[in-house]
Amino acid sequence: MIYDERPPPTGLRGIVTSLWFLDTARSRPFEKILPQPSAHLIVNLSAPYRLFDRGGVPTTVSDAFVSGVHSDYLVIESPPQIRHVGAAFTPAGLARTTRAPAEQIVNRVEDARTLYTDVGPLVTRLRAAPTPSAALDELASYLLSVPLAPPDPVAECAADALASRPETPVGDLAARLGVSHRTLIAHFRASTGLTPKVFAQVTRFHAFVGAARDATGSPDWGALATAAGYYDQPHVIRAFRRFTGWTPSEYGRLVAEFGPDEALFVPLAELPTTPD
């Protein structure tokens, strides 16, 4: 496996959180990607990906695509050799770089050509890049050239606050920022595509899964749930069912089988063809 990751250049800080290059063989044909409180731009340098809806109907994904912030999981079929270069955005960062409203991108995978200009030449340059570092240089240079919409301080401050303390009541957060509850929701939805409440739920679950991934030995689900702000076992199970389609124990077995590196991108030998 070849993996190279770097922080964004100065001009992209607060918009992009990281740039990466990945070249590896897939471990299973399919993959369930769990919800994450960030959005991504990915240029695929290998064979095409396919994205599946809950009925198992496939859609071939463009060689350059944007995956918005998701409050649901995705199921994809990876190419035999995964080779791509990508950028991860802050929750409100993606909308500042695209030509579409955030609500058009959330919970969707979109062809990057509908959101950015000059994507074709970028793909050509990335395919010709001689090294992972050179590919990352090209992507960084491209993103630095993209015109930026003005930031929304209300939405960005709210996202930062919820990322660190997702249990914060939205009303309390609005009062702290000096806006009404309704105004905060409007600003947040316009910048991220989600409401603050849903974003907080995704953030809490993402942190919970990350803590379970990093735990040594078998995870203590009760302790992890309490630390994440889940108030009882049914609350945890409902969150797992919603965000993964599995129970915590089912998910734990898969992580034990494939290892912690696969905790957010879970390999699947078979495609789920009916809703979980």
Foldseek 3Di string as FASTA:
>chain_A
DDKDKDAAPPLCPQWWGIKMKDKAFDPAQKKKFFFDLKKKWKAWLDDWKWWADQQRDIDTADNIKIAAGELAITMMGADRITTMIMIITHLLNVCFQWPDWQLVRYNDIGHCVNTDPPVVVLSVQLNVQPDRVSNRVSVSVVSSPGHTDDDDVLQSVLSVVLLVPLVDDLQVSCVVVPHGSVVSQVNNCRRRVDGSNSSSLSSLVVVLLVVCLPDPDHDPSVVSCVVSPNDDQVSQQVSCCRRPVDGPVVLSVQCVVPHSVCSRIGHDNDDNNHRD
